[in-house]
Protein backbone atom coordinates (compact mmCIF):
# COMPACT_ATOMS: atom_id res chain seq x y z
CA MET A 1 0.00 0.00 0.00
CA SER A 2 1.34 3.47 -0.84
CA GLU A 3 1.98 6.02 1.93
CA LEU A 4 -1.29 7.85 1.20
CA SER A 5 -3.32 5.21 -0.61
CA GLY A 6 -6.48 6.56 -2.26
CA TYR A 7 -5.96 10.24 -1.46
CA LYS A 8 -5.75 12.88 -4.18
CA ASP A 9 -6.13 16.56 -4.95
CA LYS A 10 -6.62 18.83 -1.90
CA SER A 11 -6.75 15.94 0.59
CA LEU A 12 -3.43 14.59 -0.67
CA GLU A 13 -1.92 18.07 -0.58
CA LEU A 14 -2.96 18.64 3.05
CA LEU A 15 -1.64 15.27 4.23
CA SER A 16 1.62 15.50 2.29
CA SER A 17 2.39 19.00 3.53
CA ALA A 18 1.93 17.82 7.13
CA GLY A 19 4.15 14.75 6.60
CA ILE A 20 1.32 12.38 7.48
CA LYS A 21 1.19 8.70 6.43
CA ILE A 22 -1.46 5.99 6.65
CA GLY A 23 -1.76 4.81 10.27
CA ASP A 24 -0.40 7.99 11.86
CA PHE A 25 -2.30 9.42 14.84
CA ILE A 26 -3.35 12.90 13.75
CA LYS A 27 -5.31 15.97 14.80
CA ILE A 28 -7.74 17.72 12.47
CA ASN A 29 -9.39 21.04 13.28
CA THR A 30 -12.39 22.63 11.59
CA LYS A 31 -14.02 25.90 12.60
CA THR A 32 -16.23 24.05 15.06
CA THR A 33 -14.59 20.76 16.06
CA GLU A 34 -11.28 19.03 16.80
CA TYR A 35 -10.88 15.40 15.72
CA LEU A 36 -8.26 12.89 16.91
CA GLY A 37 -7.63 9.54 15.26
CA ASN A 38 -5.58 7.31 12.99
CA LEU A 39 -5.50 8.07 9.26
CA LEU A 40 -7.19 5.40 7.14
CA PRO A 41 -6.65 4.68 3.44
CA ARG A 42 -9.26 5.55 0.84
CA TYR A 43 -10.68 3.55 -2.06
CA GLU A 44 -9.84 4.39 -5.64
CA TYR A 45 -13.30 5.81 -6.37
CA SER A 46 -13.93 7.46 -3.01
CA ASN A 47 -14.86 11.14 -2.82
CA GLU A 48 -11.49 12.87 -3.06
CA ASN A 49 -12.63 15.76 -0.83
CA TYR A 50 -12.67 13.70 2.37
CA ILE A 51 -9.97 12.60 4.80
CA VAL A 52 -10.95 9.54 6.84
CA ILE A 53 -9.74 8.72 10.34
CA LYS A 54 -10.58 6.10 12.94
CA LEU A 55 -11.57 7.94 16.10
CA THR A 56 -10.38 6.80 19.51
CA ASN A 57 -13.90 5.46 20.19
CA GLY A 58 -13.53 3.07 17.23
CA TYR A 59 -15.79 4.83 14.75
CA ASN A 60 -14.62 5.95 11.31
CA ILE A 61 -15.37 9.50 10.19
CA GLY A 62 -14.78 11.45 7.00
CA ILE A 63 -13.90 15.14 7.22
CA ASP A 64 -14.36 17.46 4.25
CA SER A 65 -10.90 18.77 3.37
CA LYS A 66 -12.43 22.12 2.40
CA LYS A 67 -13.55 22.63 6.01
CA ILE A 68 -10.19 21.78 7.59
CA THR A 69 -8.46 24.77 9.19
CA ASP A 70 -5.48 22.88 10.61
CA ILE A 71 -4.03 19.38 10.39
CA GLY A 72 -1.01 17.83 12.06
CA LYS A 73 0.64 14.59 13.10
CA ILE A 74 0.66 13.82 16.81
CA LYS A 75 2.65 10.61 16.52
CA SER A 76 3.68 8.09 13.91
CA GLY A 77 1.67 4.92 13.61
CA GLU A 78 1.99 1.59 11.88
CA GLU A 79 -0.10 0.67 8.89
CA PRO A 80 -2.61 -1.91 10.20
CA LYS A 81 -1.95 -5.45 9.08
CA PHE A 82 -4.10 -8.56 9.30
CA LYS A 83 -2.75 -11.39 11.45
CA PRO A 84 -4.08 -14.76 10.28
CA PRO A 85 -5.62 -16.88 13.03
CA SER A 86 -4.34 -20.34 13.85
CA LYS A 87 -5.93 -23.33 12.14
CA PRO A 88 -8.56 -25.11 14.27
CA ASN A 89 -8.39 -28.80 15.08
CA VAL A 90 -10.06 -30.64 12.20
CA LYS A 91 -10.70 -34.38 12.17
CA ASP A 92 -8.41 -36.27 9.79
CA SER A 93 -11.35 -38.46 8.82
CA LEU A 94 -13.18 -35.57 7.13
CA PRO A 95 -13.07 -35.28 3.32
CA LYS A 96 -10.09 -33.54 1.77
CA ILE A 97 -11.42 -30.57 -0.20
CA ALA A 98 -9.36 -28.12 -2.26
CA ILE A 99 -10.59 -24.53 -2.49
CA LEU A 100 -9.19 -22.47 -5.36
CA GLY A 101 -9.51 -18.70 -5.41
CA THR A 102 -9.75 -16.63 -8.57
CA GLY A 103 -11.11 -13.37 -7.17
CA GLY A 104 -14.48 -11.92 -6.31
CA THR A 105 -16.06 -11.44 -2.90
CA ILE A 106 -16.67 -15.08 -1.97
CA ALA A 107 -13.40 -15.35 -0.05
CA SER A 108 -12.57 -11.93 1.29
CA ARG A 109 -12.50 -10.17 4.61
CA ILE A 110 -13.18 -6.63 5.68
CA ASP A 111 -10.25 -5.03 7.48
CA TYR A 112 -11.99 -2.80 9.98
CA LYS A 113 -8.83 -0.87 10.70
CA THR A 114 -8.44 0.19 7.09
CA GLY A 115 -11.93 -0.36 5.70
CA ALA A 116 -10.48 -2.37 2.82
CA VAL A 117 -11.78 -5.70 1.52
CA ASN A 118 -8.86 -8.10 1.02
CA PRO A 119 -8.48 -11.70 -0.14
CA ALA A 120 -8.83 -14.15 2.75
CA PHE A 121 -7.69 -17.38 1.28
CA SER A 122 -5.49 -19.32 3.61
CA ALA A 123 -7.19 -22.29 5.26
CA GLU A 124 -6.77 -20.54 8.60
CA GLU A 125 -8.52 -17.41 7.34
CA LEU A 126 -11.40 -19.35 5.80
CA TYR A 127 -11.92 -21.37 8.97
CA SER A 128 -11.94 -18.12 10.98
CA ILE A 129 -14.45 -16.43 8.67
CA ILE A 130 -16.62 -19.55 8.26
CA PRO A 131 -15.96 -21.74 11.34
CA GLU A 132 -18.66 -24.23 10.26
CA LEU A 133 -16.28 -25.50 7.56
CA ALA A 134 -14.30 -27.34 10.23
CA SER A 135 -17.30 -29.64 10.74
CA TYR A 136 -17.41 -30.72 7.10
CA ALA A 137 -13.95 -30.92 5.56
CA ASN A 138 -10.21 -30.71 5.76
CA ILE A 139 -9.65 -27.83 3.39
CA ASN A 140 -6.52 -26.82 1.55
CA THR A 141 -6.44 -23.59 -0.38
CA GLU A 142 -4.65 -21.90 -3.23
CA LEU A 143 -5.15 -18.45 -4.71
CA ILE A 144 -4.76 -18.85 -8.48
CA SER A 145 -5.55 -15.22 -9.27
CA ASN A 146 -7.29 -12.25 -7.74
CA ILE A 147 -9.15 -10.54 -10.55
CA ALA A 148 -12.67 -9.30 -11.14
CA SER A 149 -14.56 -11.85 -13.20
CA GLU A 150 -15.14 -9.45 -16.10
CA GLN A 151 -11.35 -9.53 -16.56
CA MET A 152 -11.43 -13.31 -17.07
CA ASN A 153 -10.52 -14.64 -20.49
CA PRO A 154 -10.11 -18.11 -22.05
CA GLU A 155 -6.48 -18.28 -20.95
CA ASP A 156 -7.70 -17.99 -17.35
CA TRP A 157 -10.12 -20.86 -17.97
CA LYS A 158 -7.19 -22.96 -19.14
CA ASN A 159 -5.17 -22.06 -16.04
CA ILE A 160 -8.08 -22.99 -13.77
CA ALA A 161 -8.56 -26.30 -15.61
CA ASN A 162 -4.87 -27.12 -15.21
CA LYS A 163 -5.06 -26.39 -11.50
CA VAL A 164 -8.15 -28.61 -11.12
CA ILE A 165 -6.28 -31.46 -12.82
CA GLU A 166 -3.39 -30.93 -10.40
CA LYS A 167 -5.72 -31.04 -7.40
CA ILE A 168 -7.37 -34.23 -8.68
CA LYS A 169 -3.93 -35.86 -8.82
CA GLU A 170 -3.40 -34.79 -5.20
CA GLU A 171 -6.40 -37.00 -4.32
CA ASN A 172 -8.80 -34.32 -3.20
CA GLN A 173 -12.33 -35.66 -2.88
CA GLY A 174 -13.81 -32.46 -4.26
CA ILE A 175 -12.81 -29.01 -5.46
CA ILE A 176 -14.40 -25.60 -4.95
CA ILE A 177 -13.63 -22.59 -7.12
CA GLY A 178 -14.34 -19.17 -5.66
CA HIS A 179 -15.23 -16.85 -8.53
CA GLY A 180 -16.69 -13.42 -9.21
CA THR A 181 -20.32 -13.77 -10.20
CA ASP A 182 -20.46 -11.69 -13.40
CA THR A 183 -18.85 -14.30 -15.66
CA MET A 184 -19.01 -17.35 -13.40
CA ALA A 185 -21.49 -19.10 -15.72
CA TYR A 186 -19.05 -18.71 -18.62
CA THR A 187 -16.31 -20.34 -16.54
CA SER A 188 -18.59 -23.16 -15.41
CA ALA A 189 -19.41 -23.89 -19.06
CA ALA A 190 -15.74 -23.72 -20.04
CA LEU A 191 -14.71 -26.19 -17.33
CA SER A 192 -17.63 -28.47 -18.19
CA PHE A 193 -16.20 -28.91 -21.69
CA ALA A 194 -12.50 -28.81 -20.79
CA LEU A 195 -12.91 -31.34 -17.96
CA THR A 196 -15.53 -33.66 -19.46
CA ASN A 197 -16.04 -36.77 -17.30
CA CYS A 198 -14.30 -35.10 -14.37
CA PRO A 199 -14.06 -37.88 -11.74
CA ILE A 200 -14.89 -35.70 -8.71
CA PRO A 201 -17.33 -32.86 -8.00
CA VAL A 202 -16.03 -29.40 -8.92
CA ILE A 203 -18.23 -26.62 -7.55
CA LEU A 204 -18.03 -22.99 -8.61
CA THR A 205 -19.46 -20.50 -6.16
CA GLY A 206 -19.42 -16.79 -5.47
CA ALA A 207 -21.12 -14.07 -3.50
CA GLN A 208 -23.56 -11.37 -4.55
CA ARG A 209 -23.02 -9.43 -1.31
CA SER A 210 -19.60 -8.66 0.14
CA THR A 211 -18.61 -10.22 3.44
CA ASP A 212 -18.77 -6.93 5.35
CA ARG A 213 -22.55 -6.74 4.80
CA PRO A 214 -25.05 -8.43 7.16
CA SER A 215 -26.87 -9.72 4.08
CA SER A 216 -23.77 -11.44 2.68
CA ASP A 217 -24.46 -14.77 1.02
CA ALA A 218 -20.80 -15.83 1.03
CA SER A 219 -20.80 -18.15 4.06
CA LEU A 220 -23.82 -20.26 3.14
CA ASN A 221 -22.67 -20.53 -0.47
CA MET A 222 -19.24 -21.75 0.64
CA ILE A 223 -20.54 -24.15 3.31
CA SER A 224 -23.03 -25.70 0.90
CA SER A 225 -20.37 -26.00 -1.79
CA VAL A 226 -18.12 -27.89 0.63
CA ILE A 227 -21.00 -30.21 1.52
CA VAL A 228 -21.68 -31.00 -2.15
CA ALA A 229 -17.98 -31.34 -2.97
CA SER A 230 -17.78 -33.99 -0.24
CA GLN A 231 -20.40 -36.19 -1.93
CA GLU A 232 -19.00 -39.43 -3.35
CA SER A 233 -22.10 -40.12 -5.45
CA ILE A 234 -21.72 -37.27 -7.95
CA ASN A 235 -19.03 -35.88 -10.18
CA GLY A 236 -18.71 -33.16 -12.79
CA ILE A 237 -18.86 -29.37 -12.90
CA TYR A 238 -21.56 -27.48 -11.00
CA LEU A 239 -22.38 -23.97 -9.82
CA ALA A 240 -23.77 -23.34 -6.32
CA MET A 241 -25.67 -20.19 -5.35
CA HIS A 242 -28.74 -19.15 -3.34
CA SER A 243 -32.13 -20.54 -4.39
CA SER A 244 -34.01 -17.54 -3.01
CA ILE A 245 -33.40 -14.25 -1.25
CA GLY A 246 -33.64 -16.14 2.05
CA ASP A 247 -30.88 -18.06 3.80
CA ASN A 248 -32.40 -21.51 3.78
CA GLU A 249 -31.42 -23.18 0.50
CA ILE A 250 -28.66 -23.33 -2.11
CA SER A 251 -29.28 -24.54 -5.66
CA ILE A 252 -26.74 -26.74 -7.42
CA HIS A 253 -26.84 -25.94 -11.13
CA SER A 254 -25.44 -27.86 -14.09
CA GLY A 255 -22.33 -26.08 -15.35
CA THR A 256 -23.69 -25.65 -18.88
CA ARG A 257 -27.34 -24.82 -18.13
CA VAL A 258 -26.98 -21.93 -15.69
CA ARG A 259 -27.16 -18.19 -16.18
CA LYS A 260 -26.90 -15.04 -14.06
CA ASN A 261 -30.30 -13.37 -14.49
CA HIS A 262 -30.15 -10.51 -11.99
CA THR A 263 -27.51 -7.91 -11.23
CA SER A 264 -27.59 -8.09 -7.45
CA LYS A 265 -30.16 -10.50 -5.97
CA ARG A 266 -28.86 -13.39 -3.89
CA ASP A 267 -30.77 -15.80 -6.14
CA ALA A 268 -29.47 -14.24 -9.36
CA PHE A 269 -28.50 -17.59 -10.89
CA GLU A 270 -31.07 -19.86 -12.53
CA SER A 271 -31.00 -23.19 -14.31
CA ILE A 272 -32.45 -22.64 -17.79
CA GLY A 273 -34.54 -25.37 -19.41
CA ILE A 274 -33.92 -27.84 -16.59
CA ASP A 275 -34.27 -27.97 -12.81
CA PRO A 276 -31.24 -27.54 -10.58
CA ILE A 277 -29.42 -30.84 -10.18
CA ALA A 278 -29.78 -30.64 -6.40
CA VAL A 279 -30.35 -28.30 -3.49
CA VAL A 280 -28.65 -28.05 -0.12
CA ASN A 281 -31.17 -27.42 2.65
CA GLN A 282 -30.20 -27.30 6.32
CA GLY A 283 -26.90 -28.97 5.49
CA LYS A 284 -28.49 -31.86 3.59
CA VAL A 285 -28.10 -32.54 -0.14
CA ILE A 286 -31.41 -33.26 -1.86
CA ILE A 287 -31.05 -34.59 -5.40
CA LYS A 288 -33.66 -32.99 -7.69
CA SER A 289 -32.75 -34.44 -11.08
CA GLU A 290 -31.75 -37.92 -12.11
CA THR A 291 -27.99 -38.09 -11.89
CA SER A 292 -25.46 -40.84 -11.38
CA LYS A 293 -21.73 -40.88 -11.10
CA ASN A 294 -20.11 -40.84 -14.52
CA ASP A 295 -17.33 -43.44 -14.69
CA LYS A 296 -16.24 -42.64 -18.25
CA LYS A 297 -12.54 -42.04 -18.86
CA PHE A 298 -11.34 -38.58 -17.85
CA GLU A 299 -9.53 -37.08 -20.84
CA PRO A 300 -9.17 -33.33 -20.36
CA LYS A 301 -9.07 -31.05 -23.40
CA ILE A 302 -8.29 -27.63 -22.02
CA ASN A 303 -7.45 -25.43 -25.00
CA PHE A 304 -9.66 -22.55 -26.16
CA ASN A 305 -9.57 -20.44 -29.31
CA GLU A 306 -11.19 -17.10 -28.51
CA ASN A 307 -11.28 -16.03 -32.17
CA VAL A 308 -15.05 -16.46 -32.44
CA ALA A 309 -17.99 -14.08 -32.00
CA LEU A 310 -21.38 -13.92 -30.32
CA VAL A 311 -23.82 -11.69 -32.22
CA LYS A 312 -27.24 -10.59 -30.95
CA PHE A 313 -29.66 -9.84 -33.77
CA HIS A 314 -32.01 -6.90 -33.30
CA PRO A 315 -34.26 -4.68 -35.44
CA GLY A 316 -31.98 -2.41 -37.43
CA PHE A 317 -29.08 -4.89 -37.28
CA LYS A 318 -26.55 -4.15 -40.01
CA SER A 319 -25.14 -7.03 -42.04
CA GLU A 320 -21.88 -5.06 -42.16
CA ILE A 321 -21.27 -6.28 -38.60
CA ILE A 322 -21.05 -9.84 -39.90
CA ASP A 323 -18.83 -8.66 -42.77
CA ALA A 324 -16.48 -7.07 -40.22
CA ILE A 325 -16.31 -10.33 -38.27
CA ILE A 326 -15.43 -12.18 -41.48
CA ASP A 327 -12.73 -9.61 -42.27
CA SER A 328 -11.26 -10.06 -38.78
CA ASN A 329 -10.50 -13.70 -39.68
CA SER A 330 -12.76 -15.04 -36.95
CA LYS A 331 -13.36 -18.78 -37.12
CA GLY A 332 -17.02 -18.87 -36.18
CA ILE A 333 -20.15 -17.00 -35.16
CA ILE A 334 -22.90 -17.79 -32.68
CA ILE A 335 -26.06 -15.86 -33.51
CA GLU A 336 -28.68 -14.97 -30.91
CA GLY A 337 -31.67 -14.97 -33.20
CA THR A 338 -35.25 -14.04 -32.47
CA GLY A 339 -37.88 -16.58 -31.51
CA LEU A 340 -37.29 -19.97 -33.10
CA GLY A 341 -34.02 -18.81 -34.67
CA HIS A 342 -34.50 -15.98 -37.14
CA VAL A 343 -32.73 -12.89 -38.47
CA ASN A 344 -33.67 -10.31 -41.09
CA SER A 345 -33.22 -11.82 -44.55
CA GLN A 346 -30.96 -8.88 -45.45
CA CYS A 347 -28.31 -10.61 -43.31
CA ASN A 348 -28.42 -13.86 -45.29
CA LYS A 349 -25.90 -12.82 -47.93
CA SER A 350 -23.27 -11.98 -45.30
CA ILE A 351 -24.03 -15.14 -43.31
CA LYS A 352 -23.63 -17.26 -46.45
CA LYS A 353 -20.32 -15.53 -47.15
CA ALA A 354 -19.11 -16.48 -43.67
CA ILE A 355 -20.08 -20.12 -44.17
CA ASP A 356 -18.56 -20.21 -47.67
CA ASN A 357 -15.33 -18.93 -46.08
CA GLY A 358 -15.27 -22.01 -43.84
CA MET A 359 -16.69 -20.38 -40.71
CA PHE A 360 -19.09 -22.24 -38.44
CA VAL A 361 -22.32 -20.29 -37.91
CA GLY A 362 -24.63 -21.58 -35.17
CA MET A 363 -28.10 -20.35 -34.24
CA THR A 364 -29.40 -19.93 -30.68
CA SER A 365 -32.45 -18.06 -29.41
CA GLN A 366 -32.35 -14.86 -27.41
CA CYS A 367 -35.55 -16.11 -25.74
CA LEU A 368 -33.24 -18.38 -23.66
CA ARG A 369 -36.09 -20.74 -22.79
CA GLY A 370 -37.36 -23.10 -25.46
CA ARG A 371 -35.42 -24.42 -28.42
CA VAL A 372 -34.43 -23.31 -31.88
CA LYS A 373 -36.77 -24.73 -34.55
CA MET A 374 -35.77 -23.33 -37.93
CA THR A 375 -38.06 -25.47 -40.10
CA VAL A 376 -41.29 -23.73 -39.05
CA TYR A 377 -41.01 -20.43 -40.94
CA SER A 378 -39.41 -19.49 -44.24
CA ALA A 379 -36.91 -17.19 -42.51
CA GLY A 380 -35.51 -20.17 -40.62
CA ARG A 381 -35.63 -22.51 -43.60
CA ASP A 382 -33.68 -20.01 -45.71
CA LEU A 383 -30.95 -19.92 -43.05
CA LEU A 384 -30.83 -23.71 -42.98
CA ASP A 385 -30.45 -23.73 -46.76
CA ILE A 386 -27.32 -21.55 -46.61
CA GLY A 387 -25.75 -23.74 -43.91
CA VAL A 388 -26.61 -22.23 -40.52
CA THR A 389 -26.55 -24.90 -37.79
CA PRO A 390 -29.43 -24.88 -35.25
CA LEU A 391 -28.17 -25.49 -31.72
CA GLU A 392 -31.29 -26.87 -30.03
CA ASP A 393 -31.88 -25.15 -26.65
CA MET A 394 -28.23 -24.38 -25.94
CA LEU A 395 -27.75 -21.08 -24.12
CA PRO A 396 -26.03 -18.46 -26.31
CA GLU A 397 -23.18 -17.96 -23.83
CA THR A 398 -22.67 -21.71 -23.49
CA ALA A 399 -22.64 -22.06 -27.29
CA LEU A 400 -19.98 -19.35 -27.52
CA VAL A 401 -17.79 -21.08 -24.94
CA LYS A 402 -18.29 -24.46 -26.61
CA LEU A 403 -17.28 -23.03 -29.99
CA MET A 404 -14.10 -21.58 -28.46
CA TRP A 405 -13.37 -24.99 -26.93
CA ALA A 406 -14.16 -26.88 -30.15
CA TYR A 407 -11.81 -24.75 -32.24
CA GLY A 408 -9.16 -25.03 -29.52
CA ASN A 409 -9.12 -28.83 -29.56
CA TYR A 410 -10.42 -30.14 -32.90
CA PRO A 411 -9.71 -29.64 -36.62
CA ASN A 412 -12.01 -27.36 -38.62
CA ASN A 413 -13.80 -30.20 -40.40
CA ASP A 414 -14.90 -31.68 -37.05
CA ILE A 415 -16.39 -28.49 -35.60
CA LYS A 416 -19.99 -28.95 -36.76
CA ASN A 417 -20.14 -32.53 -35.45
CA ILE A 418 -18.68 -31.44 -32.12
CA MET A 419 -21.15 -28.56 -31.80
CA LEU A 420 -24.04 -30.95 -32.45
CA LYS A 421 -22.76 -33.56 -29.99
CA ASN A 422 -24.04 -33.31 -26.43
CA ILE A 423 -20.72 -33.16 -24.58
CA ALA A 424 -21.65 -31.90 -21.12
CA GLY A 425 -25.44 -31.65 -20.96
CA GLU A 426 -25.40 -28.33 -22.80
CA TYR A 427 -28.70 -29.06 -24.51
CA THR A 428 -31.70 -31.21 -23.69
CA GLU A 429 -33.12 -33.89 -25.95
CA ARG A 430 -36.57 -32.33 -25.75
CA SER A 431 -38.17 -29.28 -24.18
CA THR A 432 -40.84 -29.94 -21.57
CA LEU A 433 -43.92 -27.78 -21.03
CA GLY A 434 -43.02 -24.67 -19.07
CA ARG A 435 -39.31 -25.04 -19.79
């Protein structure tokens, strides 16, 4: 941390001129009040007009720098540092579970001396934040990365997959991946393809509310993930998040059939077209869909080629967008069409050009629920005639990830067959009423 982390403009000028650093015990005077306390750091996007101190009574207060008449250091102080707690006694007989961190709020702690939210990813820290974990598993942890999930890219998926393979070889019974929620469904799809027939349960989980908030969902999500990861009767890639805004149940979603459908609700994630595979209620796993342990040979294919595009059709869509994708030497396009899988016929010429150039073009529906059926109307039949491939009820984001994975691991002439093959439950054989 820099000497005056987060401060800028007039606040920075006042502190610098007084020789004050983070942690110093200082005095601040305004026209009406004198304040005594330790200087705290600020966040990058905090209001630059305020200087924040921790008062001697333990409360934090921000003072408008424009109202400060005098400021000075009373004595030097140390920048507060977090001291990890000791690891509790955990029974050796409990399942060995690896927890991998990639970023996000699921495994973080609030430092009440500084106000900052920092990664908390040693086993000792996790046990201290969520003591219930000691009743369920012997956990070992590793922080792979610490990035916001919107910064994730296919190379990160590959790194995560490699680390999962490593942890499987270390004979962990299950693996949990802490992940930011914004792109967690993309990562769950990527791992579902890269780690097909994974021999143990791998559970992705996150938190919609940071751990410093009373409404945080982090603890229950993590506890439930550990419980599911300890199950010997299931394997594969899953995503675990709240079933409702309450704190009573966690849904376990298939890695290729899940989507984030709300910006901030605890139950933002939903299984699309199918029910959740299971729920965890009061610490018990309740299987909701028919599932059995897959004993097929585990043969990871972890490469991804990100040189593909996802295009959402809309009224006024310009075919020049498809032309630009062709000119960029992209290998394939996933289209989010309307309804049963349609676009304006003015796009057909450009789509045909893409297919004639050897690109794979797949059709999904922006409706999300229901399946593509391109034989019903002439608009769909025309697209079939020029070579567009309907992708059943595959989610657009899942189709994009699958196409990246297909091009990363198979020759061009195999891509269509791979996209039509049900690799990891990414599409259903038939759509049921209401789904």
